[in-house]
Amino acid sequence: MNADQIRTQLNLIFRDVFDDDSIQVHDQMTARDVDNWDSLTHINLIVASEKKFGVSFSTKDIVRLKNVGDFIQLIQKSLP
């Protein structure tokens, strides 16, 4: 799965978690760019992404994430 395919799927996850169909993810997006992105929604994003992509992330990997682009790379690296 390439980065664009992952980004498309992540966009759907973000829209679902934040209940906002106007969200459009991009590589430089951070929690500051999305209303109501707090620690709980962050966990919900991680869990929903693990479920969707069939992967599991370590806490160490998650805390290193700086933006959505990093998250896409982590997902790509974690795919079987």
PDB file of N, CA and C in Angstrom:
ATOM      1  N   MET A   1       0.850  -1.171   0.000  1.00  0.00           N
ATOM      2  CA  MET A   1       0.000   0.000   0.000  1.00  0.00           C
ATOM      3  C   MET A   1       0.899   1.239   0.000  1.00  0.00           C
ATOM      4  N   ASN A   2       0.616   2.164  -0.914  1.00  0.00           N
ATOM      5  CA  ASN A   2       1.460   3.354  -0.994  1.00  0.00           C
ATOM      6  C   ASN A   2       0.932   4.477  -0.094  1.00  0.00           C
ATOM      7  N   ALA A   3       1.704   5.542   0.003  1.00  0.00           N
ATOM      8  CA  ALA A   3       1.370   6.645   0.914  1.00  0.00           C
ATOM      9  C   ALA A   3       0.030   7.291   0.569  1.00  0.00           C
ATOM     10  N   ASP A   4      -0.272   7.431  -0.716  1.00  0.00           N
ATOM     11  CA  ASP A   4      -1.547   8.043  -1.105  1.00  0.00           C
ATOM     12  C   ASP A   4      -2.734   7.187  -0.683  1.00  0.00           C
ATOM     13  N   GLN A   5      -2.599   5.883  -0.812  1.00  0.00           N
ATOM     14  CA  GLN A   5      -3.679   4.975  -0.393  1.00  0.00           C
ATOM     15  C   GLN A   5      -3.870   5.046   1.124  1.00  0.00           C
ATOM     16  N   ILE A   6      -2.781   5.093   1.853  1.00  0.00           N
ATOM     17  CA  ILE A   6      -2.852   5.200   3.311  1.00  0.00           C
ATOM     18  C   ILE A   6      -3.488   6.530   3.692  1.00  0.00           C
ATOM     19  N   ARG A   7      -3.070   7.611   3.043  1.00  0.00           N
ATOM     20  CA  ARG A   7      -3.619   8.940   3.331  1.00  0.00           C
ATOM     21  C   ARG A   7      -5.133   8.952   3.105  1.00  0.00           C
ATOM     22  N   THR A   8      -5.592   8.328   2.037  1.00  0.00           N
ATOM     23  CA  THR A   8      -7.026   8.267   1.744  1.00  0.00           C
ATOM     24  C   THR A   8      -7.773   7.545   2.856  1.00  0.00           C
ATOM     25  N   GLN A   9      -7.230   6.417   3.309  1.00  0.00           N
ATOM     26  CA  GLN A   9      -7.868   5.660   4.389  1.00  0.00           C
ATOM     27  C   GLN A   9      -7.823   6.436   5.707  1.00  0.00           C
ATOM     28  N   LEU A  10      -6.692   7.104   5.968  1.00  0.00           N
ATOM     29  CA  LEU A  10      -6.578   7.906   7.187  1.00  0.00           C
ATOM     30  C   LEU A  10      -7.589   9.048   7.184  1.00  0.00           C
ATOM     31  N   ASN A  11      -7.819   9.617   6.020  1.00  0.00           N
ATOM     32  CA  ASN A  11      -8.782  10.704   5.928  1.00  0.00           C
ATOM     33  C   ASN A  11     -10.156  10.231   6.398  1.00  0.00           C
ATOM     34  N   LEU A  12     -10.536   9.033   5.978  1.00  0.00           N
ATOM     35  CA  LEU A  12     -11.821   8.465   6.406  1.00  0.00           C
ATOM     36  C   LEU A  12     -11.840   8.234   7.917  1.00  0.00           C
ATOM     37  N   ILE A  13     -10.726   7.757   8.457  1.00  0.00           N
ATOM     38  CA  ILE A  13     -10.627   7.512   9.907  1.00  0.00           C
ATOM     39  C   ILE A  13     -10.749   8.837  10.664  1.00  0.00           C
ATOM     40  N   PHE A  14     -10.035   9.864  10.219  1.00  0.00           N
ATOM     41  CA  PHE A  14     -10.100  11.171  10.870  1.00  0.00           C
ATOM     42  C   PHE A  14     -11.522  11.708  10.843  1.00  0.00           C
ATOM     43  N   ARG A  15     -12.174  11.616   9.703  1.00  0.00           N
ATOM     44  CA  ARG A  15     -13.545  12.124   9.584  1.00  0.00           C
ATOM     45  C   ARG A  15     -14.482  11.392  10.528  1.00  0.00           C
ATOM     46  N   ASP A  16     -14.266  10.091  10.681  1.00  0.00           N
ATOM     47  CA  ASP A  16     -15.109   9.302  11.577  1.00  0.00           C
ATOM     48  C   ASP A  16     -14.830   9.646  13.047  1.00  0.00           C
ATOM     49  N   VAL A  17     -13.558   9.664  13.434  1.00  0.00           N
ATOM     50  CA  VAL A  17     -13.189   9.920  14.833  1.00  0.00           C
ATOM     51  C   VAL A  17     -13.628  11.322  15.270  1.00  0.00           C
ATOM     52  N   PHE A  18     -13.451  12.312  14.389  1.00  0.00           N
ATOM     53  CA  PHE A  18     -13.795  13.681  14.746  1.00  0.00           C
ATOM     54  C   PHE A  18     -15.219  14.057  14.336  1.00  0.00           C
ATOM     55  N   ASP A  19     -15.914  13.139  13.684  1.00  0.00           N
ATOM     56  CA  ASP A  19     -17.282  13.376  13.219  1.00  0.00           C
ATOM     57  C   ASP A  19     -17.351  14.686  12.426  1.00  0.00           C
ATOM     58  N   ASP A  20     -16.419  14.806  11.453  1.00  0.00           N
ATOM     59  CA  ASP A  20     -16.305  16.027  10.656  1.00  0.00           C
ATOM     60  C   ASP A  20     -15.922  15.647   9.224  1.00  0.00           C
ATOM     61  N   ASP A  21     -16.892  15.724   8.327  1.00  0.00           N
ATOM     62  CA  ASP A  21     -16.647  15.346   6.931  1.00  0.00           C
ATOM     63  C   ASP A  21     -15.824  16.366   6.158  1.00  0.00           C
ATOM     64  N   SER A  22     -15.516  17.496   6.766  1.00  0.00           N
ATOM     65  CA  SER A  22     -14.730  18.514   6.066  1.00  0.00           C
ATOM     66  C   SER A  22     -13.218  18.332   6.272  1.00  0.00           C
ATOM     67  N   ILE A  23     -12.833  17.444   7.154  1.00  0.00           N
ATOM     68  CA  ILE A  23     -11.399  17.235   7.417  1.00  0.00           C
ATOM     69  C   ILE A  23     -10.718  16.688   6.171  1.00  0.00           C
ATOM     70  N   GLN A  24      -9.578  17.276   5.851  1.00  0.00           N
ATOM     71  CA  GLN A  24      -8.733  16.802   4.750  1.00  0.00           C
ATOM     72  C   GLN A  24      -7.314  16.690   5.296  1.00  0.00           C
ATOM     73  N   VAL A  25      -6.860  15.467   5.537  1.00  0.00           N
ATOM     74  CA  VAL A  25      -5.525  15.293   6.116  1.00  0.00           C
ATOM     75  C   VAL A  25      -4.444  15.635   5.112  1.00  0.00           C
ATOM     76  N   HIS A  26      -3.319  16.093   5.632  1.00  0.00           N
ATOM     77  CA  HIS A  26      -2.129  16.364   4.830  1.00  0.00           C
ATOM     78  C   HIS A  26      -0.912  16.061   5.688  1.00  0.00           C
ATOM     79  N   ASP A  27       0.210  15.883   5.050  1.00  0.00           N
ATOM     80  CA  ASP A  27       1.406  15.404   5.744  1.00  0.00           C
ATOM     81  C   ASP A  27       1.851  16.281   6.908  1.00  0.00           C
ATOM     82  N   GLN A  28       1.677  17.584   6.822  1.00  0.00           N
ATOM     83  CA  GLN A  28       2.145  18.485   7.877  1.00  0.00           C
ATOM     84  C   GLN A  28       1.111  18.699   8.981  1.00  0.00           C
ATOM     85  N   MET A  29      -0.067  18.082   8.867  1.00  0.00           N
ATOM     86  CA  MET A  29      -1.141  18.268   9.846  1.00  0.00           C
ATOM     87  C   MET A  29      -0.714  17.742  11.219  1.00  0.00           C
ATOM     88  N   THR A  30      -1.056  18.540  12.250  1.00  0.00           N
ATOM     89  CA  THR A  30      -0.803  18.149  13.638  1.00  0.00           C
ATOM     90  C   THR A  30      -2.084  18.362  14.441  1.00  0.00           C
ATOM     91  N   ALA A  31      -2.021  18.033  15.704  1.00  0.00           N
ATOM     92  CA  ALA A  31      -3.181  18.202  16.581  1.00  0.00           C
ATOM     93  C   ALA A  31      -3.629  19.662  16.646  1.00  0.00           C
ATOM     94  N   ARG A  32      -2.718  20.578  16.465  1.00  0.00           N
ATOM     95  CA  ARG A  32      -3.073  22.005  16.492  1.00  0.00           C
ATOM     96  C   ARG A  32      -3.987  22.404  15.340  1.00  0.00           C
ATOM     97  N   ASP A  33      -3.999  21.607  14.281  1.00  0.00           N
ATOM     98  CA  ASP A  33      -4.775  21.934  13.082  1.00  0.00           C
ATOM     99  C   ASP A  33      -6.215  21.437  13.132  1.00  0.00           C
ATOM    100  N   VAL A  34      -6.556  20.638  14.138  1.00  0.00           N
ATOM    101  CA  VAL A  34      -7.888  20.025  14.192  1.00  0.00           C
ATOM    102  C   VAL A  34      -8.541  20.328  15.534  1.00  0.00           C
ATOM    103  N   ASP A  35      -9.724  20.933  15.453  1.00  0.00           N
ATOM    104  CA  ASP A  35     -10.476  21.203  16.684  1.00  0.00           C
ATOM    105  C   ASP A  35     -10.777  19.893  17.407  1.00  0.00           C
ATOM    106  N   ASN A  36     -10.702  19.922  18.705  1.00  0.00           N
ATOM    107  CA  ASN A  36     -11.040  18.775  19.567  1.00  0.00           C
ATOM    108  C   ASN A  36     -10.060  17.606  19.484  1.00  0.00           C
ATOM    109  N   TRP A  37      -8.873  17.826  18.920  1.00  0.00           N
ATOM    110  CA  TRP A  37      -7.868  16.751  18.907  1.00  0.00           C
ATOM    111  C   TRP A  37      -7.142  16.815  20.248  1.00  0.00           C
ATOM    112  N   ASP A  38      -7.563  15.949  21.141  1.00  0.00           N
ATOM    113  CA  ASP A  38      -6.955  15.887  22.462  1.00  0.00           C
ATOM    114  C   ASP A  38      -6.394  14.481  22.678  1.00  0.00           C
ATOM    115  N   SER A  39      -5.993  14.186  23.894  1.00  0.00           N
ATOM    116  CA  SER A  39      -5.360  12.888  24.158  1.00  0.00           C
ATOM    117  C   SER A  39      -6.317  11.723  23.905  1.00  0.00           C
ATOM    118  N   LEU A  40      -7.585  11.895  24.212  1.00  0.00           N
ATOM    119  CA  LEU A  40      -8.551  10.816  23.995  1.00  0.00           C
ATOM    120  C   LEU A  40      -8.779  10.566  22.512  1.00  0.00           C
ATOM    121  N   THR A  41      -8.964  11.633  21.736  1.00  0.00           N
ATOM    122  CA  THR A  41      -9.155  11.420  20.299  1.00  0.00           C
ATOM    123  C   THR A  41      -7.881  10.898  19.652  1.00  0.00           C
ATOM    124  N   HIS A  42      -6.737  11.266  20.205  1.00  0.00           N
ATOM    125  CA  HIS A  42      -5.467  10.742  19.693  1.00  0.00           C
ATOM    126  C   HIS A  42      -5.434   9.211  19.846  1.00  0.00           C
ATOM    127  N   ILE A  43      -5.824   8.743  21.014  1.00  0.00           N
ATOM    128  CA  ILE A  43      -5.881   7.295  21.248  1.00  0.00           C
ATOM    129  C   ILE A  43      -6.888   6.647  20.306  1.00  0.00           C
ATOM    130  N   ASN A  44      -8.038   7.277  20.139  1.00  0.00           N
ATOM    131  CA  ASN A  44      -9.048   6.738  19.224  1.00  0.00           C
ATOM    132  C   ASN A  44      -8.524   6.656  17.792  1.00  0.00           C
ATOM    133  N   LEU A  45      -7.750   7.658  17.366  1.00  0.00           N
ATOM    134  CA  LEU A  45      -7.147   7.626  16.027  1.00  0.00           C
ATOM    135  C   LEU A  45      -6.178   6.454  15.887  1.00  0.00           C
ATOM    136  N   ILE A  46      -5.346   6.270  16.898  1.00  0.00           N
ATOM    137  CA  ILE A  46      -4.358   5.189  16.866  1.00  0.00           C
ATOM    138  C   ILE A  46      -5.062   3.835  16.804  1.00  0.00           C
ATOM    139  N   VAL A  47      -6.035   3.637  17.680  1.00  0.00           N
ATOM    140  CA  VAL A  47      -6.743   2.343  17.737  1.00  0.00           C
ATOM    141  C   VAL A  47      -7.502   2.083  16.439  1.00  0.00           C
ATOM    142  N   ALA A  48      -8.194   3.093  15.921  1.00  0.00           N
ATOM    143  CA  ALA A  48      -8.939   2.928  14.672  1.00  0.00           C
ATOM    144  C   ALA A  48      -7.993   2.619  13.509  1.00  0.00           C
ATOM    145  N   SER A  49      -6.829   3.243  13.509  1.00  0.00           N
ATOM    146  CA  SER A  49      -5.843   3.009  12.452  1.00  0.00           C
ATOM    147  C   SER A  49      -5.249   1.609  12.554  1.00  0.00           C
ATOM    148  N   GLU A  50      -4.928   1.182  13.771  1.00  0.00           N
ATOM    149  CA  GLU A  50      -4.414  -0.186  13.959  1.00  0.00           C
ATOM    150  C   GLU A  50      -5.424  -1.203  13.446  1.00  0.00           C
ATOM    151  N   LYS A  51      -6.673  -0.978  13.758  1.00  0.00           N
ATOM    152  CA  LYS A  51      -7.728  -1.900  13.337  1.00  0.00           C
ATOM    153  C   LYS A  51      -7.878  -1.901  11.818  1.00  0.00           C
ATOM    154  N   LYS A  52      -7.925  -0.712  11.212  1.00  0.00           N
ATOM    155  CA  LYS A  52      -8.130  -0.585   9.766  1.00  0.00           C
ATOM    156  C   LYS A  52      -6.985  -1.217   8.980  1.00  0.00           C
ATOM    157  N   PHE A  53      -5.755  -0.976   9.412  1.00  0.00           N
ATOM    158  CA  PHE A  53      -4.596  -1.437   8.655  1.00  0.00           C
ATOM    159  C   PHE A  53      -4.061  -2.786   9.132  1.00  0.00           C
ATOM    160  N   GLY A  54      -4.632  -3.323  10.215  1.00  0.00           N
ATOM    161  CA  GLY A  54      -4.197  -4.619  10.714  1.00  0.00           C
ATOM    162  C   GLY A  54      -2.774  -4.611  11.237  1.00  0.00           C
ATOM    163  N   VAL A  55      -2.420  -3.525  11.913  1.00  0.00           N
ATOM    164  CA  VAL A  55      -1.066  -3.373  12.451  1.00  0.00           C
ATOM    165  C   VAL A  55      -1.154  -3.038  13.937  1.00  0.00           C
ATOM    166  N   SER A  56       0.000  -3.024  14.597  1.00  0.00           N
ATOM    167  CA  SER A  56       0.071  -2.650  16.003  1.00  0.00           C
ATOM    168  C   SER A  56       1.280  -1.742  16.177  1.00  0.00           C
ATOM    169  N   PHE A  57       1.098  -0.650  16.896  1.00  0.00           N
ATOM    170  CA  PHE A  57       2.176   0.315  17.106  1.00  0.00           C
ATOM    171  C   PHE A  57       2.668   0.255  18.541  1.00  0.00           C
ATOM    172  N   SER A  58       3.957   0.419  18.709  1.00  0.00           N
ATOM    173  CA  SER A  58       4.511   0.492  20.058  1.00  0.00           C
ATOM    174  C   SER A  58       4.342   1.916  20.585  1.00  0.00           C
ATOM    175  N   THR A  59       4.327   2.048  21.889  1.00  0.00           N
ATOM    176  CA  THR A  59       4.237   3.374  22.503  1.00  0.00           C
ATOM    177  C   THR A  59       5.417   4.223  22.053  1.00  0.00           C
ATOM    178  N   LYS A  60       6.572   3.617  21.945  1.00  0.00           N
ATOM    179  CA  LYS A  60       7.779   4.332  21.509  1.00  0.00           C
ATOM    180  C   LYS A  60       7.581   4.944  20.121  1.00  0.00           C
ATOM    181  N   ASP A  61       6.990   4.186  19.210  1.00  0.00           N
ATOM    182  CA  ASP A  61       6.740   4.696  17.867  1.00  0.00           C
ATOM    183  C   ASP A  61       5.708   5.826  17.883  1.00  0.00           C
ATOM    184  N   ILE A  62       4.684   5.676  18.691  1.00  0.00           N
ATOM    185  CA  ILE A  62       3.609   6.668  18.730  1.00  0.00           C
ATOM    186  C   ILE A  62       4.113   8.006  19.261  1.00  0.00           C
ATOM    187  N   VAL A  63       4.922   7.988  20.310  1.00  0.00           N
ATOM    188  CA  VAL A  63       5.390   9.257  20.889  1.00  0.00           C
ATOM    189  C   VAL A  63       6.369   9.983  19.972  1.00  0.00           C
ATOM    190  N   ARG A  64       6.947   9.295  19.017  1.00  0.00           N
ATOM    191  CA  ARG A  64       7.874   9.922  18.065  1.00  0.00           C
ATOM    192  C   ARG A  64       7.157  10.666  16.943  1.00  0.00           C
ATOM    193  N   LEU A  65       5.864  10.429  16.777  1.00  0.00           N
ATOM    194  CA  LEU A  65       5.124  11.044  15.679  1.00  0.00           C
ATOM    195  C   LEU A  65       5.043  12.553  15.851  1.00  0.00           C
ATOM    196  N   LYS A  66       5.382  13.280  14.790  1.00  0.00           N
ATOM    197  CA  LYS A  66       5.325  14.740  14.824  1.00  0.00           C
ATOM    198  C   LYS A  66       4.144  15.276  14.016  1.00  0.00           C
ATOM    199  N   ASN A  67       3.693  14.500  13.023  1.00  0.00           N
ATOM    200  CA  ASN A  67       2.607  14.955  12.158  1.00  0.00           C
ATOM    201  C   ASN A  67       2.012  13.762  11.405  1.00  0.00           C
ATOM    202  N   VAL A  68       1.012  14.030  10.580  1.00  0.00           N
ATOM    203  CA  VAL A  68       0.339  12.956   9.836  1.00  0.00           C
ATOM    204  C   VAL A  68       1.306  12.274   8.871  1.00  0.00           C
ATOM    205  N   GLY A  69       2.227  13.021   8.290  1.00  0.00           N
ATOM    206  CA  GLY A  69       3.216  12.422   7.386  1.00  0.00           C
ATOM    207  C   GLY A  69       4.036  11.340   8.087  1.00  0.00           C
ATOM    208  N   ASP A  70       4.442  11.618   9.325  1.00  0.00           N
ATOM    209  CA  ASP A  70       5.168  10.615  10.114  1.00  0.00           C
ATOM    210  C   ASP A  70       4.286   9.393  10.370  1.00  0.00           C
ATOM    211  N   PHE A  71       3.004   9.639  10.631  1.00  0.00           N
ATOM    212  CA  PHE A  71       2.067   8.550  10.901  1.00  0.00           C
ATOM    213  C   PHE A  71       1.907   7.668   9.663  1.00  0.00           C
ATOM    214  N   ILE A  72       1.826   8.283   8.500  1.00  0.00           N
ATOM    215  CA  ILE A  72       1.722   7.525   7.245  1.00  0.00           C
ATOM    216  C   ILE A  72       2.958   6.641   7.071  1.00  0.00           C
ATOM    217  N   GLN A  73       4.131   7.199   7.327  1.00  0.00           N
ATOM    218  CA  GLN A  73       5.368   6.412   7.219  1.00  0.00           C
ATOM    219  C   GLN A  73       5.382   5.262   8.198  1.00  0.00           C
ATOM    220  N   LEU A  74       4.902   5.508   9.420  1.00  0.00           N
ATOM    221  CA  LEU A  74       4.853   4.441  10.431  1.00  0.00           C
ATOM    222  C   LEU A  74       3.914   3.332   9.986  1.00  0.00           C
ATOM    223  N   ILE A  75       2.764   3.705   9.459  1.00  0.00           N
ATOM    224  CA  ILE A  75       1.812   2.687   8.981  1.00  0.00           C
ATOM    225  C   ILE A  75       2.439   1.882   7.862  1.00  0.00           C
ATOM    226  N   GLN A  76       3.058   2.577   6.893  1.00  0.00           N
ATOM    227  CA  GLN A  76       3.706   1.903   5.763  1.00  0.00           C
ATOM    228  C   GLN A  76       4.756   0.904   6.259  1.00  0.00           C
ATOM    229  N   LYS A  77       5.571   1.333   7.208  1.00  0.00           N
ATOM    230  CA  LYS A  77       6.633   0.490   7.764  1.00  0.00           C
ATOM    231  C   LYS A  77       6.059  -0.711   8.510  1.00  0.00           C
ATOM    232  N   SER A  78       4.877  -0.546   9.094  1.00  0.00           N
ATOM    233  CA  SER A  78       4.275  -1.591   9.934  1.00  0.00           C
ATOM    234  C   SER A  78       3.453  -2.607   9.164  1.00  0.00           C
ATOM    235  N   LEU A  79       3.112  -2.293   7.924  1.00  0.00           N
ATOM    236  CA  LEU A  79       2.283  -3.214   7.134  1.00  0.00           C
ATOM    237  C   LEU A  79       3.039  -4.503   6.845  1.00  0.00           C
ATOM    238  N   PRO A  80       2.298  -5.619   6.849  1.00  0.00           N
ATOM    239  CA  PRO A  80       2.942  -6.904   6.567  1.00  0.00           C
ATOM    240  C   PRO A  80       3.468  -6.985   5.138  1.00  0.00           C
TER     241      PRO A  80
END
